[in-house]
Amino acid sequence: MIRVLVIDDEPLNHQLVARALEPLQCAVHSANDGHSGISLAHSLQPDLIITDVMMPDINGYEVTRTLRRQPEFANTPILVLTAQSGLQDKIKSFEAGADDHLIKPFEAAELVARVAALLRRAEAAKVPHAEAPSEKIEHAETRMIAVHSLRGGTGCSSLAVNLAVGLSALWREPTMLLDLTMTAGQVAMMLNMTLRRTWADIATFSAGDLDMNALSSIVTGHESGLRFIAAPTFPIEAEGLRGDTLAAAFKLIKSQYEYVVADLPHDFSEPALQALDAADVILMVAAPDMASIRAVTAALDTYDKLGYPKEKRKLILNATFPHSGLTKDKIESALGLTSIAMIPYVQDVFVDAINLGQPPVFHKPEQPVSGLLEDFAFHLSKDAHKKSKPDNPTEAWKRVYKRYQERKR
């Protein structure tokens, strides 16, 4: 039976919630204040938590924040149920780590719908407990792809998210997406996922102390099957995260996942350098303008100084505006590189995808640009996967194969 914990200092609200949730046949448990609610959560291990905001000891935001810091509640759905109805109140709920915010007085049908949706989503996004590193994964040579640009606004995050979703959909193999933009990461938003636990939650670990259990506590699952680690909301939260801890994290992740995609910050900060060192492929993303070309030139110079082999670097052109951009030939001539893919200008598709948190590769696979990104994910896949037809091909694989056959005609 589904266990729901209600934390509210008004006993009447306990009864109202319990009565409203009767259609779901939940076992509703209650606590009268924040501290006792946190204590009961530990003993009960509820499937969902509903908390008020205004309580006599600690408020619901702090209750949510406290629970989210603890690995056992990292993926437990939390709904803030409060009379606080302002926009800032809703923002506070989500920043604390809540999955939803509902205003009192509430309609019973709406509460049931929201609770049911949260439970379905939690079930779909469950992350299996990480096993010890297996020889199979190590032998399979995990592929780590770093998406990098020294200039913002080139579409790196959109590319990283859709590429990771595409790889996961193609092969149904363990795939991880890392948001390493510690100043203002966007991956959780682009996947329409609540920011629960982030890199900041392992900042206290040294490289030697970090293990797969600790790392698994900050991994979130998406309905596509993709796993990801989010960047914190505020830059100060990640200040304690050391480079050697990140390096240890990458090593652990590569022992467990077939594919790893890293969305890098637009610099050569510690997270960027650690990811670039660990990556097998660096995707350099450029828009068709002089500022992007200068940024790629500077990046190439730094890659040379860092000793990254030329075959590790791949140029991607992304048309981020409709007209008057530099031509592909001019860009390739200026850089002395041949691009391996060019993403066309499709502003509405990507703007809508970001605003709704719906990567087109997953939510709109029929779109031409989704097909292009799906094909690109296939192109970047490991040779062992590309060279033979899967025993049980996924729908994504079938779409790629169909397009390939059509191009051959």
Protein backbone atom coordinates (compact mmCIF):
# COMPACT_ATOMS: atom_id res chain seq x y z
CA MET A 1 0.00 0.00 0.00
CA ILE A 2 1.18 3.53 -0.77
CA ARG A 3 2.43 5.33 2.34
CA VAL A 4 1.84 9.09 2.46
CA LEU A 5 3.23 11.32 5.21
CA VAL A 6 1.40 14.60 5.92
CA ILE A 7 3.30 17.22 7.93
CA ASP A 8 0.99 19.99 9.12
CA ASP A 9 0.33 21.70 12.48
CA GLU A 10 -3.44 21.71 11.85
CA PRO A 11 -5.04 18.30 12.61
CA LEU A 12 -8.01 19.22 10.43
CA ASN A 13 -5.71 19.33 7.41
CA HIS A 14 -4.58 15.77 8.15
CA GLN A 15 -8.19 14.65 7.91
CA LEU A 16 -8.89 16.64 4.76
CA VAL A 17 -5.88 15.17 2.96
CA ALA A 18 -6.65 11.62 4.13
CA ARG A 19 -10.23 11.90 2.92
CA ALA A 20 -9.20 13.38 -0.41
CA LEU A 21 -6.71 10.56 -1.06
CA GLU A 22 -9.17 7.76 -0.35
CA PRO A 23 -9.55 6.94 -4.09
CA LEU A 24 -5.82 6.09 -4.18
CA GLN A 25 -6.18 3.72 -1.18
CA CYS A 26 -3.21 5.29 0.56
CA ALA A 27 -2.10 4.73 4.13
CA VAL A 28 -1.91 8.33 5.38
CA HIS A 29 0.35 9.07 8.36
CA SER A 30 0.65 12.50 9.98
CA ALA A 31 2.98 14.68 12.01
CA ASN A 32 2.17 17.97 13.75
CA ASP A 33 5.43 19.84 13.18
CA GLY A 34 8.54 19.85 11.07
CA HIS A 35 10.93 18.08 13.44
CA SER A 36 8.54 15.24 14.21
CA GLY A 37 7.74 15.01 10.49
CA ILE A 38 11.41 14.50 9.64
CA SER A 39 11.73 11.91 12.41
CA LEU A 40 8.62 10.04 11.21
CA ALA A 41 9.88 10.14 7.63
CA HIS A 42 12.98 8.20 8.73
CA SER A 43 10.98 5.47 10.46
CA LEU A 44 8.13 5.30 7.93
CA GLN A 45 10.06 5.70 4.65
CA PRO A 46 6.95 7.07 2.90
CA ASP A 47 6.31 6.86 -0.82
CA LEU A 48 5.27 10.54 -0.85
CA ILE A 49 5.47 13.47 1.57
CA ILE A 50 3.03 16.40 1.81
CA THR A 51 4.17 19.32 3.93
CA ASP A 52 2.68 22.62 5.04
CA VAL A 53 4.89 25.73 5.06
CA MET A 54 3.91 27.74 8.13
CA MET A 55 4.62 25.59 11.20
CA PRO A 56 5.71 26.49 14.76
CA ASP A 57 9.23 25.01 14.71
CA ILE A 58 10.72 24.88 11.22
CA ASN A 59 8.86 25.75 8.05
CA GLY A 60 8.04 23.44 5.18
CA TYR A 61 10.83 24.79 3.00
CA GLU A 62 13.40 23.79 5.61
CA VAL A 63 11.72 20.41 6.07
CA THR A 64 11.99 19.82 2.33
CA ARG A 65 15.57 21.06 2.20
CA THR A 66 16.57 18.85 5.15
CA LEU A 67 15.02 15.74 3.64
CA ARG A 68 16.57 16.37 0.24
CA ARG A 69 20.05 16.48 1.79
CA GLN A 70 19.60 12.87 2.92
CA PRO A 71 20.20 10.15 0.30
CA GLU A 72 17.20 8.03 1.31
CA PHE A 73 14.83 10.86 0.41
CA ALA A 74 16.64 12.06 -2.70
CA ASN A 75 13.91 10.69 -4.98
CA THR A 76 10.89 10.73 -2.66
CA PRO A 77 8.17 12.99 -4.14
CA ILE A 78 7.48 16.02 -1.93
CA LEU A 79 4.42 18.22 -2.39
CA VAL A 80 4.20 21.57 -0.58
CA LEU A 81 0.56 22.20 0.42
CA THR A 82 0.17 25.74 1.72
CA ALA A 83 -1.96 28.85 1.87
CA GLN A 84 1.08 30.80 0.58
CA SER A 85 0.01 31.57 -2.99
CA GLY A 86 2.54 34.09 -4.34
CA LEU A 87 4.97 33.38 -7.16
CA GLN A 88 7.93 33.74 -4.80
CA ASP A 89 6.38 31.14 -2.49
CA LYS A 90 6.19 28.67 -5.36
CA ILE A 91 9.77 29.42 -6.35
CA LYS A 92 10.90 28.83 -2.75
CA SER A 93 9.19 25.43 -2.80
CA PHE A 94 10.98 24.33 -5.95
CA GLU A 95 14.33 25.77 -4.86
CA ALA A 96 14.03 23.79 -1.62
CA GLY A 97 13.61 20.63 -3.68
CA ALA A 98 9.84 20.12 -3.75
CA ASP A 99 8.27 18.40 -6.75
CA ASP A 100 5.02 20.34 -6.65
CA HIS A 101 3.26 23.26 -4.92
CA LEU A 102 -0.48 23.27 -4.28
CA ILE A 103 -2.45 26.08 -2.67
CA LYS A 104 -4.96 25.71 0.18
CA PRO A 105 -7.88 25.44 0.14
CA PHE A 106 -7.55 22.66 -2.41
CA GLU A 107 -9.94 20.65 -4.51
CA ALA A 108 -9.83 16.96 -3.60
CA ALA A 109 -9.77 15.90 -7.26
CA GLU A 110 -6.77 18.12 -7.98
CA LEU A 111 -4.82 16.79 -5.00
CA VAL A 112 -5.53 13.21 -6.12
CA ALA A 113 -4.40 14.02 -9.68
CA ARG A 114 -1.19 15.66 -8.53
CA VAL A 115 -0.31 12.92 -6.05
CA ALA A 116 -1.02 10.22 -8.63
CA ALA A 117 1.16 12.03 -11.18
CA LEU A 118 4.02 12.39 -8.70
CA LEU A 119 3.85 8.70 -7.79
CA ARG A 120 3.82 7.64 -11.46
CA ARG A 121 6.75 9.87 -12.22
CA ALA A 122 8.72 8.59 -9.24
CA GLU A 123 8.11 5.01 -10.30
CA ALA A 124 9.19 5.69 -13.88
CA ALA A 125 12.34 7.49 -12.79
CA LYS A 126 13.56 5.05 -10.15
CA VAL A 127 17.32 4.62 -10.23
CA PRO A 128 18.40 1.06 -9.53
CA HIS A 129 20.89 0.68 -6.71
CA ALA A 130 24.35 0.85 -8.19
CA GLU A 131 26.24 -2.39 -8.21
CA ALA A 132 29.95 -2.79 -7.73
CA PRO A 133 31.96 -1.90 -10.82
CA SER A 134 31.73 -4.78 -13.26
CA GLU A 135 34.41 -6.18 -15.51
CA LYS A 136 31.89 -6.13 -18.36
CA ILE A 137 31.61 -2.33 -18.36
CA GLU A 138 35.32 -1.79 -17.93
CA HIS A 139 36.02 -4.16 -20.83
CA ALA A 140 33.41 -2.45 -22.98
CA GLU A 141 35.38 0.81 -22.86
CA THR A 142 32.83 3.33 -21.72
CA ARG A 143 32.57 6.28 -24.10
CA MET A 144 32.61 9.71 -22.47
CA ILE A 145 31.66 12.69 -24.63
CA ALA A 146 32.36 16.25 -23.44
CA VAL A 147 30.34 19.10 -25.01
CA HIS A 148 32.37 22.30 -24.81
CA SER A 149 32.45 25.89 -26.01
CA LEU A 150 34.19 28.94 -24.60
CA ARG A 151 31.24 31.04 -25.76
CA GLY A 152 27.78 30.83 -24.25
CA GLY A 153 24.62 30.72 -26.33
CA THR A 154 25.90 28.16 -28.82
CA GLY A 155 23.46 25.44 -27.75
CA CYS A 156 25.84 23.21 -25.81
CA SER A 157 23.29 22.21 -23.17
CA SER A 158 20.58 21.46 -25.74
CA LEU A 159 23.03 19.33 -27.70
CA ALA A 160 24.27 17.49 -24.59
CA VAL A 161 20.75 16.73 -23.34
CA ASN A 162 19.43 15.50 -26.70
CA LEU A 163 22.59 13.53 -27.45
CA ALA A 164 22.40 11.77 -24.08
CA VAL A 165 18.69 11.03 -24.47
CA GLY A 166 19.37 9.77 -28.00
CA LEU A 167 22.14 7.40 -26.89
CA SER A 168 19.95 6.03 -24.12
CA ALA A 169 17.03 5.52 -26.52
CA LEU A 170 19.17 3.88 -29.21
CA TRP A 171 20.84 1.20 -27.16
CA ARG A 172 18.97 0.94 -23.85
CA GLU A 173 22.38 0.77 -22.22
CA PRO A 174 23.26 2.65 -18.99
CA THR A 175 23.72 6.28 -20.04
CA MET A 176 24.69 9.19 -17.79
CA LEU A 177 24.42 12.96 -18.38
CA LEU A 178 26.60 15.22 -16.23
CA ASP A 179 25.78 18.89 -15.71
CA LEU A 180 29.11 20.49 -14.88
CA THR A 181 28.07 24.12 -15.24
CA MET A 182 28.31 24.78 -11.52
CA THR A 183 27.38 28.46 -11.86
CA ALA A 184 23.93 27.95 -13.39
CA GLY A 185 23.34 24.45 -14.74
CA GLN A 186 20.32 23.89 -16.96
CA VAL A 187 20.11 20.12 -17.40
CA ALA A 188 17.44 19.46 -14.74
CA MET A 189 15.27 22.24 -16.17
CA MET A 190 15.70 20.97 -19.73
CA LEU A 191 14.48 17.55 -18.59
CA ASN A 192 11.62 19.08 -16.59
CA MET A 193 12.99 17.48 -13.44
CA THR A 194 12.93 18.87 -9.92
CA LEU A 195 16.35 19.88 -8.62
CA ARG A 196 16.69 17.48 -5.70
CA ARG A 197 20.29 16.50 -5.03
CA THR A 198 23.27 17.87 -6.92
CA TRP A 199 27.06 17.76 -7.11
CA ALA A 200 27.07 20.00 -4.03
CA ASP A 201 25.84 17.07 -1.93
CA ILE A 202 29.14 15.21 -2.33
CA ALA A 203 31.32 18.30 -1.84
CA THR A 204 32.35 17.08 1.64
CA PHE A 205 33.74 13.81 0.27
CA SER A 206 37.42 13.41 -0.43
CA ALA A 207 38.47 11.42 -3.48
CA GLY A 208 39.41 8.46 -1.28
CA ASP A 209 36.10 8.45 0.59
CA LEU A 210 33.81 8.69 -2.43
CA ASP A 211 32.18 5.40 -3.37
CA MET A 212 29.35 4.31 -5.65
CA ASN A 213 26.79 4.39 -2.84
CA ALA A 214 27.50 8.06 -2.15
CA LEU A 215 27.56 8.90 -5.84
CA SER A 216 24.29 7.06 -6.50
CA SER A 217 22.58 9.30 -3.96
CA ILE A 218 22.90 12.28 -6.32
CA VAL A 219 21.86 10.45 -9.48
CA THR A 220 18.36 11.18 -10.80
CA GLY A 221 16.43 9.13 -13.34
CA HIS A 222 14.47 10.54 -16.28
CA GLU A 223 11.46 8.85 -17.87
CA SER A 224 13.50 8.20 -21.01
CA GLY A 225 15.78 5.87 -19.05
CA LEU A 226 18.59 8.43 -18.94
CA ARG A 227 20.36 9.08 -15.61
CA PHE A 228 21.81 12.48 -14.79
CA ILE A 229 23.63 14.45 -12.10
CA ALA A 230 22.49 18.05 -11.78
CA ALA A 231 24.50 21.16 -11.03
CA PRO A 232 23.45 23.22 -7.99
CA THR A 233 21.23 26.28 -8.30
CA PHE A 234 23.69 28.67 -6.64
CA PRO A 235 27.44 28.79 -7.46
CA ILE A 236 28.44 29.06 -3.79
CA GLU A 237 27.01 25.58 -3.14
CA ALA A 238 29.67 23.90 -5.29
CA GLU A 239 32.65 25.87 -3.99
CA GLY A 240 33.81 22.99 -1.79
CA LEU A 241 33.78 20.42 -4.60
CA ARG A 242 37.41 19.54 -5.26
CA GLY A 243 38.95 18.53 -8.56
CA ASP A 244 40.23 15.20 -7.28
CA THR A 245 36.73 14.34 -5.99
CA LEU A 246 35.31 15.05 -9.44
CA ALA A 247 38.02 12.92 -11.05
CA ALA A 248 37.15 10.06 -8.68
CA ALA A 249 33.46 10.53 -9.53
CA PHE A 250 34.16 10.32 -13.26
CA LYS A 251 36.15 7.13 -12.76
CA LEU A 252 33.30 5.53 -10.80
CA ILE A 253 30.72 6.66 -13.37
CA LYS A 254 32.75 5.26 -16.25
CA SER A 255 32.85 1.91 -14.45
CA GLN A 256 29.05 1.75 -14.43
CA TYR A 257 27.82 3.38 -17.64
CA GLU A 258 28.27 2.54 -21.31
CA TYR A 259 27.86 6.19 -22.33
CA VAL A 260 28.60 9.38 -20.43
CA VAL A 261 27.81 12.85 -21.82
CA ALA A 262 29.15 15.91 -19.98
CA ASP A 263 27.78 19.43 -20.44
CA LEU A 264 30.78 21.63 -19.64
CA PRO A 265 31.01 25.25 -18.47
CA HIS A 266 32.24 27.84 -20.97
CA ASP A 267 35.73 27.97 -19.54
CA PHE A 268 38.70 25.90 -18.41
CA SER A 269 37.69 25.74 -14.76
CA GLU A 270 38.40 22.66 -12.62
CA PRO A 271 35.17 20.82 -13.57
CA ALA A 272 35.83 21.49 -17.26
CA LEU A 273 39.44 20.33 -17.10
CA GLN A 274 38.61 17.16 -15.19
CA ALA A 275 35.91 16.27 -17.72
CA LEU A 276 38.10 17.10 -20.72
CA ASP A 277 40.85 14.90 -19.31
CA ALA A 278 38.43 12.00 -18.83
CA ALA A 279 36.60 12.42 -22.15
CA ASP A 280 37.13 10.20 -25.18
CA VAL A 281 35.54 12.76 -27.51
CA ILE A 282 35.38 16.55 -27.22
CA LEU A 283 32.54 18.14 -29.18
CA MET A 284 33.47 21.75 -29.90
CA VAL A 285 30.24 23.65 -30.56
CA ALA A 286 30.32 26.84 -32.65
CA ALA A 287 27.70 29.23 -33.97
CA PRO A 288 28.30 30.79 -37.42
CA ASP A 289 29.74 34.08 -36.15
CA MET A 290 33.19 35.54 -35.54
CA ALA A 291 32.89 35.44 -31.75
CA SER A 292 32.35 31.67 -31.88
CA ILE A 293 35.22 31.17 -34.30
CA ARG A 294 37.57 33.10 -32.03
CA ALA A 295 36.38 31.02 -29.07
CA VAL A 296 37.05 27.75 -30.92
CA THR A 297 40.50 29.02 -31.95
CA ALA A 298 41.31 29.80 -28.30
CA ALA A 299 40.00 26.41 -27.21
CA LEU A 300 42.08 24.60 -29.82
CA ASP A 301 45.20 26.39 -28.66
CA THR A 302 44.50 25.35 -25.08
CA TYR A 303 43.76 21.75 -26.10
CA ASP A 304 47.18 21.70 -27.81
CA LYS A 305 48.87 22.92 -24.65
CA LEU A 306 46.99 20.32 -22.59
CA GLY A 307 48.13 17.60 -24.94
CA TYR A 308 44.71 16.44 -26.15
CA PRO A 309 45.10 14.49 -29.40
CA LYS A 310 43.57 16.04 -32.50
CA GLU A 311 41.45 12.96 -33.21
CA LYS A 312 39.70 13.51 -29.89
CA ARG A 313 38.29 16.89 -31.03
CA LYS A 314 35.18 17.17 -33.21
CA LEU A 315 33.66 20.39 -34.54
CA ILE A 316 29.88 20.89 -34.47
CA LEU A 317 28.24 23.87 -36.18
CA ASN A 318 24.96 25.07 -34.71
CA ALA A 319 22.96 27.69 -36.62
CA THR A 320 21.64 29.69 -33.67
CA PHE A 321 20.23 32.50 -35.84
CA PRO A 322 18.44 32.44 -39.22
CA HIS A 323 20.42 34.68 -41.55
CA SER A 324 23.76 36.38 -42.26
CA GLY A 325 25.89 33.76 -40.59
CA LEU A 326 29.31 32.71 -41.83
CA THR A 327 29.13 29.83 -44.29
CA LYS A 328 30.21 26.33 -43.35
CA ASP A 329 33.07 26.45 -45.88
CA LYS A 330 34.44 29.72 -44.47
CA ILE A 331 34.31 28.45 -40.90
CA GLU A 332 36.04 25.18 -41.75
CA SER A 333 38.67 27.02 -43.79
CA ALA A 334 39.35 29.50 -40.98
CA LEU A 335 39.73 26.76 -38.38
CA GLY A 336 41.43 24.20 -40.57
CA LEU A 337 38.83 21.65 -39.45
CA THR A 338 36.00 19.75 -41.04
CA SER A 339 32.76 19.77 -39.06
CA ILE A 340 31.15 16.40 -38.40
CA ALA A 341 27.61 17.79 -38.07
CA MET A 342 25.64 20.97 -38.69
CA ILE A 343 22.45 21.64 -36.75
CA PRO A 344 20.01 23.82 -38.71
CA TYR A 345 18.20 26.86 -37.34
CA VAL A 346 14.99 25.65 -35.69
CA GLN A 347 14.45 28.26 -32.99
CA ASP A 348 10.88 27.40 -32.06
CA VAL A 349 11.65 23.71 -31.56
CA PHE A 350 14.49 24.33 -29.12
CA VAL A 351 12.93 27.31 -27.35
CA ASP A 352 9.77 25.30 -26.73
CA ALA A 353 11.84 22.31 -25.64
CA ILE A 354 13.69 24.40 -23.06
CA ASN A 355 10.57 26.16 -21.77
CA LEU A 356 8.63 22.91 -21.42
CA GLY A 357 11.54 20.69 -20.40
CA GLN A 358 10.85 18.34 -23.32
CA PRO A 359 13.91 17.29 -25.36
CA PRO A 360 12.70 16.92 -28.97
CA VAL A 361 14.62 13.65 -29.46
CA PHE A 362 12.36 12.09 -26.82
CA HIS A 363 9.14 14.09 -27.04
CA LYS A 364 9.06 14.93 -30.77
CA PRO A 365 11.01 12.21 -32.58
CA GLU A 366 9.08 12.97 -35.80
CA GLN A 367 10.73 16.41 -36.10
CA PRO A 368 13.48 16.56 -38.78
CA VAL A 369 15.97 18.02 -36.30
CA SER A 370 15.22 15.15 -33.91
CA GLY A 371 16.12 12.71 -36.66
CA LEU A 372 19.34 14.60 -37.30
CA LEU A 373 20.28 14.47 -33.60
CA GLU A 374 19.30 10.81 -33.38
CA ASP A 375 21.54 10.02 -36.36
CA PHE A 376 24.32 12.03 -34.74
CA ALA A 377 23.97 10.01 -31.53
CA PHE A 378 24.30 6.87 -33.63
CA HIS A 379 27.39 8.30 -35.35
CA LEU A 380 29.04 8.92 -31.96
CA SER A 381 28.12 5.47 -30.63
CA LYS A 382 30.72 2.81 -29.99
CA ASP A 383 31.75 0.71 -32.97
CA ALA A 384 30.67 -2.45 -31.17
CA HIS A 385 27.12 -1.11 -31.13
CA LYS A 386 27.06 0.38 -34.62
CA LYS A 387 28.40 -2.65 -36.46
CA SER A 388 25.68 -5.13 -35.64
CA LYS A 389 21.89 -5.07 -35.43
CA PRO A 390 20.62 -5.35 -31.85
CA ASP A 391 18.72 -8.52 -30.92
CA ASN A 392 15.77 -6.35 -29.87
CA PRO A 393 16.08 -3.05 -31.79
CA THR A 394 14.64 0.01 -30.10
CA GLU A 395 12.25 2.35 -31.87
CA ALA A 396 15.08 4.91 -32.06
CA TRP A 397 17.36 2.35 -33.75
CA LYS A 398 14.60 1.48 -36.24
CA ARG A 399 14.16 5.15 -37.14
CA VAL A 400 17.91 5.58 -37.71
CA TYR A 401 18.06 2.43 -39.84
CA LYS A 402 15.05 3.52 -41.92
CA ARG A 403 16.64 6.90 -42.66
CA TYR A 404 19.90 5.16 -43.58
CA GLN A 405 18.08 2.89 -46.05
CA GLU A 406 16.25 5.86 -47.57
CA ARG A 407 19.53 7.74 -48.13
CA LYS A 408 20.99 4.72 -49.93
CA ARG A 409 18.21 4.70 -52.55
